Amino acid sequence: MLNGDNDFEIEHTLPFLTPAKRIDLLAGWIEKSTRYSWFYEEQMRMAAEVEADLATRIELLEKVRTNIKEHAGGFKKRDQFLSRVNDLIKKARKPQ
């Protein structure tokens, strides 16, 4: 599923997987990045909410942040998305 341009399929498959498989597919999806900037919003949300330990969630969010920064081409919401992912990372690091 991670081969090719399957962002839409991945996004809609993740909610139906077991937590362990969801983490694996989400990490792979984030790692491969995406050609379409609008998928970063869903990646951020899923990384923040995935059933995983705190370190894993932060690692996923940091990778999304890197992908947003390095995204080639036009990206009108780059600053908005960077602000959002930075807020999610800060919130995750805040002591409970």
N, C-alpha and C. Protein backbone atom coordinates (compact mmCIF):
# COMPACT_ATOMS: atom_id res chain seq x y z
N MET A 1 0.82 -1.20 0.00
CA MET A 1 0.00 0.00 0.00
C MET A 1 0.87 1.26 0.00
N LEU A 2 2.05 1.16 0.56
CA LEU A 2 2.92 2.33 0.64
C LEU A 2 3.65 2.61 -0.67
N ASN A 3 3.58 1.70 -1.60
CA ASN A 3 4.17 1.92 -2.91
C ASN A 3 3.21 2.71 -3.77
N GLY A 4 3.69 3.75 -4.37
CA GLY A 4 2.84 4.52 -5.26
C GLY A 4 2.11 5.66 -4.56
N ASP A 5 1.12 6.14 -5.23
CA ASP A 5 0.39 7.34 -4.82
C ASP A 5 -0.95 6.91 -4.20
N ASN A 6 -0.88 6.35 -2.97
CA ASN A 6 -2.05 5.77 -2.33
C ASN A 6 -2.50 6.52 -1.09
N ASP A 7 -2.23 7.82 -1.01
CA ASP A 7 -2.55 8.59 0.19
C ASP A 7 -4.01 8.46 0.60
N PHE A 8 -4.90 8.58 -0.35
CA PHE A 8 -6.34 8.53 -0.05
C PHE A 8 -6.70 7.16 0.52
N GLU A 9 -6.21 6.11 -0.08
CA GLU A 9 -6.49 4.75 0.37
C GLU A 9 -5.93 4.51 1.78
N ILE A 10 -4.72 4.98 2.02
CA ILE A 10 -4.09 4.83 3.33
C ILE A 10 -4.92 5.57 4.38
N GLU A 11 -5.27 6.80 4.08
CA GLU A 11 -6.04 7.62 5.02
C GLU A 11 -7.33 6.92 5.44
N HIS A 12 -7.98 6.28 4.50
CA HIS A 12 -9.27 5.65 4.79
C HIS A 12 -9.15 4.22 5.31
N THR A 13 -7.98 3.63 5.25
CA THR A 13 -7.75 2.29 5.78
C THR A 13 -7.32 2.34 7.25
N LEU A 14 -6.57 3.34 7.63
CA LEU A 14 -6.00 3.42 8.98
C LEU A 14 -7.01 3.21 10.11
N PRO A 15 -8.19 3.82 10.07
CA PRO A 15 -9.12 3.65 11.19
C PRO A 15 -9.60 2.21 11.42
N PHE A 16 -9.46 1.35 10.44
CA PHE A 16 -9.96 -0.01 10.54
C PHE A 16 -8.91 -1.03 10.96
N LEU A 17 -7.70 -0.58 11.20
CA LEU A 17 -6.60 -1.48 11.56
C LEU A 17 -6.48 -1.62 13.07
N THR A 18 -5.81 -2.67 13.50
CA THR A 18 -5.50 -2.82 14.92
C THR A 18 -4.52 -1.71 15.29
N PRO A 19 -4.44 -1.37 16.58
CA PRO A 19 -3.52 -0.29 16.97
C PRO A 19 -2.08 -0.51 16.49
N ALA A 20 -1.56 -1.71 16.59
CA ALA A 20 -0.17 -1.97 16.16
C ALA A 20 -0.01 -1.78 14.66
N LYS A 21 -0.94 -2.29 13.89
CA LYS A 21 -0.86 -2.13 12.44
C LYS A 21 -1.10 -0.69 12.04
N ARG A 22 -1.94 0.02 12.79
CA ARG A 22 -2.21 1.44 12.51
C ARG A 22 -0.92 2.25 12.68
N ILE A 23 -0.18 1.97 13.75
CA ILE A 23 1.08 2.69 13.98
C ILE A 23 2.06 2.41 12.85
N ASP A 24 2.18 1.15 12.46
CA ASP A 24 3.11 0.78 11.40
C ASP A 24 2.77 1.47 10.07
N LEU A 25 1.49 1.42 9.69
CA LEU A 25 1.10 2.03 8.42
C LEU A 25 1.21 3.55 8.49
N LEU A 26 0.80 4.14 9.62
CA LEU A 26 0.91 5.60 9.77
C LEU A 26 2.37 6.04 9.68
N ALA A 27 3.26 5.33 10.37
CA ALA A 27 4.69 5.67 10.32
C ALA A 27 5.23 5.54 8.90
N GLY A 28 4.85 4.49 8.21
CA GLY A 28 5.29 4.32 6.83
C GLY A 28 4.76 5.40 5.92
N TRP A 29 3.51 5.77 6.12
CA TRP A 29 2.88 6.83 5.31
C TRP A 29 3.59 8.16 5.53
N ILE A 30 3.84 8.48 6.78
CA ILE A 30 4.53 9.73 7.10
C ILE A 30 5.96 9.70 6.56
N GLU A 31 6.61 8.57 6.70
CA GLU A 31 8.00 8.43 6.24
C GLU A 31 8.12 8.63 4.73
N LYS A 32 7.17 8.12 3.97
CA LYS A 32 7.25 8.24 2.52
C LYS A 32 6.86 9.64 2.04
N SER A 33 6.28 10.43 2.92
CA SER A 33 5.80 11.77 2.61
C SER A 33 4.66 11.68 1.60
N THR A 34 4.27 12.80 1.06
CA THR A 34 3.14 12.84 0.14
C THR A 34 3.35 13.96 -0.86
N ARG A 35 2.78 13.79 -2.03
CA ARG A 35 2.85 14.86 -3.04
C ARG A 35 1.82 15.94 -2.78
N TYR A 36 0.81 15.60 -1.98
CA TYR A 36 -0.33 16.50 -1.79
C TYR A 36 -0.34 17.06 -0.38
N SER A 37 -0.19 18.35 -0.25
CA SER A 37 -0.04 18.98 1.06
C SER A 37 -1.26 18.82 1.96
N TRP A 38 -2.44 18.63 1.39
CA TRP A 38 -3.64 18.56 2.24
C TRP A 38 -3.65 17.30 3.12
N PHE A 39 -2.86 16.28 2.78
CA PHE A 39 -2.81 15.08 3.62
C PHE A 39 -2.04 15.30 4.91
N TYR A 40 -1.23 16.35 5.01
CA TYR A 40 -0.50 16.62 6.25
C TYR A 40 -1.45 16.86 7.41
N GLU A 41 -2.56 17.49 7.16
CA GLU A 41 -3.52 17.76 8.22
C GLU A 41 -4.01 16.45 8.85
N GLU A 42 -4.34 15.48 8.02
CA GLU A 42 -4.79 14.19 8.52
C GLU A 42 -3.65 13.44 9.20
N GLN A 43 -2.45 13.53 8.66
CA GLN A 43 -1.30 12.89 9.29
C GLN A 43 -1.06 13.48 10.68
N MET A 44 -1.17 14.79 10.81
CA MET A 44 -0.99 15.43 12.12
C MET A 44 -2.02 14.90 13.12
N ARG A 45 -3.27 14.90 12.71
CA ARG A 45 -4.35 14.46 13.60
C ARG A 45 -4.14 13.02 14.03
N MET A 46 -3.86 12.16 13.07
CA MET A 46 -3.69 10.74 13.39
C MET A 46 -2.46 10.50 14.26
N ALA A 47 -1.37 11.21 13.99
CA ALA A 47 -0.15 11.05 14.80
C ALA A 47 -0.40 11.49 16.23
N ALA A 48 -1.17 12.53 16.42
CA ALA A 48 -1.46 13.03 17.77
C ALA A 48 -2.40 12.10 18.53
N GLU A 49 -3.25 11.37 17.81
CA GLU A 49 -4.28 10.55 18.46
C GLU A 49 -3.99 9.06 18.47
N VAL A 50 -2.96 8.61 17.75
CA VAL A 50 -2.69 7.17 17.63
C VAL A 50 -2.43 6.55 19.01
N GLU A 51 -2.88 5.32 19.17
CA GLU A 51 -2.67 4.60 20.42
C GLU A 51 -1.23 4.11 20.46
N ALA A 52 -0.36 4.99 20.95
CA ALA A 52 1.07 4.69 21.03
C ALA A 52 1.65 5.44 22.21
N ASP A 53 2.87 5.07 22.58
CA ASP A 53 3.51 5.78 23.67
C ASP A 53 3.84 7.21 23.24
N LEU A 54 4.07 8.04 24.21
CA LEU A 54 4.31 9.46 23.96
C LEU A 54 5.49 9.69 23.02
N ALA A 55 6.58 8.97 23.22
CA ALA A 55 7.76 9.16 22.39
C ALA A 55 7.45 8.86 20.92
N THR A 56 6.66 7.84 20.66
CA THR A 56 6.30 7.49 19.29
C THR A 56 5.43 8.57 18.67
N ARG A 57 4.47 9.08 19.42
CA ARG A 57 3.59 10.15 18.89
C ARG A 57 4.41 11.40 18.57
N ILE A 58 5.31 11.76 19.45
CA ILE A 58 6.15 12.94 19.22
C ILE A 58 7.04 12.72 18.00
N GLU A 59 7.63 11.53 17.88
CA GLU A 59 8.48 11.21 16.73
C GLU A 59 7.68 11.34 15.42
N LEU A 60 6.47 10.83 15.40
CA LEU A 60 5.63 10.93 14.19
C LEU A 60 5.31 12.39 13.87
N LEU A 61 4.96 13.16 14.89
CA LEU A 61 4.65 14.57 14.68
C LEU A 61 5.87 15.35 14.18
N GLU A 62 7.04 15.04 14.71
CA GLU A 62 8.26 15.72 14.26
C GLU A 62 8.57 15.39 12.81
N LYS A 63 8.29 14.16 12.39
CA LYS A 63 8.51 13.78 10.99
C LYS A 63 7.51 14.50 10.09
N VAL A 64 6.27 14.63 10.53
CA VAL A 64 5.29 15.40 9.75
C VAL A 64 5.78 16.84 9.61
N ARG A 65 6.29 17.40 10.70
CA ARG A 65 6.80 18.78 10.66
C ARG A 65 7.94 18.91 9.64
N THR A 66 8.86 17.95 9.64
CA THR A 66 9.95 17.96 8.66
C THR A 66 9.40 17.89 7.25
N ASN A 67 8.43 17.02 7.02
CA ASN A 67 7.83 16.89 5.68
C ASN A 67 7.16 18.19 5.23
N ILE A 68 6.49 18.85 6.16
CA ILE A 68 5.84 20.12 5.82
C ILE A 68 6.90 21.15 5.41
N LYS A 69 7.97 21.23 6.19
CA LYS A 69 9.04 22.19 5.88
C LYS A 69 9.69 21.90 4.54
N GLU A 70 9.85 20.62 4.22
CA GLU A 70 10.59 20.25 3.01
C GLU A 70 9.69 20.03 1.79
N HIS A 71 8.40 20.20 1.94
CA HIS A 71 7.46 19.95 0.84
C HIS A 71 7.78 20.85 -0.35
N ALA A 72 7.97 20.24 -1.50
CA ALA A 72 8.27 20.99 -2.72
C ALA A 72 6.97 21.48 -3.35
N GLY A 73 7.07 22.56 -4.06
CA GLY A 73 5.89 23.07 -4.77
C GLY A 73 5.10 24.04 -3.93
N GLY A 74 4.02 24.50 -4.50
CA GLY A 74 3.15 25.46 -3.82
C GLY A 74 2.48 24.84 -2.61
N PHE A 75 2.40 25.61 -1.56
CA PHE A 75 1.81 25.11 -0.31
C PHE A 75 1.32 26.32 0.46
N LYS A 76 0.12 26.76 0.18
CA LYS A 76 -0.42 28.00 0.76
C LYS A 76 -0.58 27.93 2.27
N LYS A 77 -0.84 26.75 2.81
CA LYS A 77 -1.10 26.62 4.24
C LYS A 77 0.11 26.16 5.03
N ARG A 78 1.30 26.26 4.43
CA ARG A 78 2.51 25.78 5.11
C ARG A 78 2.65 26.39 6.51
N ASP A 79 2.58 27.70 6.63
CA ASP A 79 2.75 28.34 7.93
C ASP A 79 1.67 27.91 8.92
N GLN A 80 0.45 27.80 8.45
CA GLN A 80 -0.66 27.36 9.29
C GLN A 80 -0.43 25.93 9.78
N PHE A 81 -0.01 25.05 8.88
CA PHE A 81 0.24 23.66 9.25
C PHE A 81 1.43 23.54 10.20
N LEU A 82 2.49 24.33 9.96
CA LEU A 82 3.64 24.31 10.86
C LEU A 82 3.24 24.77 12.26
N SER A 83 2.44 25.79 12.34
CA SER A 83 1.96 26.27 13.62
C SER A 83 1.16 25.19 14.34
N ARG A 84 0.29 24.53 13.59
CA ARG A 84 -0.55 23.47 14.17
C ARG A 84 0.30 22.30 14.66
N VAL A 85 1.23 21.83 13.86
CA VAL A 85 2.04 20.69 14.28
C VAL A 85 2.95 21.07 15.45
N ASN A 86 3.46 22.28 15.48
CA ASN A 86 4.26 22.74 16.62
C ASN A 86 3.42 22.77 17.90
N ASP A 87 2.17 23.22 17.79
CA ASP A 87 1.27 23.21 18.94
C ASP A 87 1.00 21.79 19.43
N LEU A 88 0.81 20.86 18.51
CA LEU A 88 0.57 19.46 18.89
C LEU A 88 1.79 18.85 19.58
N ILE A 89 2.98 19.18 19.09
CA ILE A 89 4.21 18.68 19.72
C ILE A 89 4.36 19.27 21.12
N LYS A 90 4.13 20.56 21.24
CA LYS A 90 4.23 21.23 22.54
C LYS A 90 3.23 20.63 23.52
N LYS A 91 2.01 20.40 23.07
CA LYS A 91 0.97 19.81 23.92
C LYS A 91 1.37 18.39 24.35
N ALA A 92 1.93 17.62 23.45
CA ALA A 92 2.33 16.25 23.77
C ALA A 92 3.47 16.23 24.80
N ARG A 93 4.34 17.20 24.73
CA ARG A 93 5.50 17.24 25.65
C ARG A 93 5.15 17.81 27.02
N LYS A 94 4.00 18.48 27.10
CA LYS A 94 3.59 19.10 28.36
C LYS A 94 3.26 18.02 29.39
N PRO A 95 3.79 18.16 30.60
CA PRO A 95 3.48 17.17 31.63
C PRO A 95 1.99 17.11 31.91
N GLN A 96 1.51 15.90 32.10
CA GLN A 96 0.08 15.69 32.36
C GLN A 96 -0.26 15.96 33.79
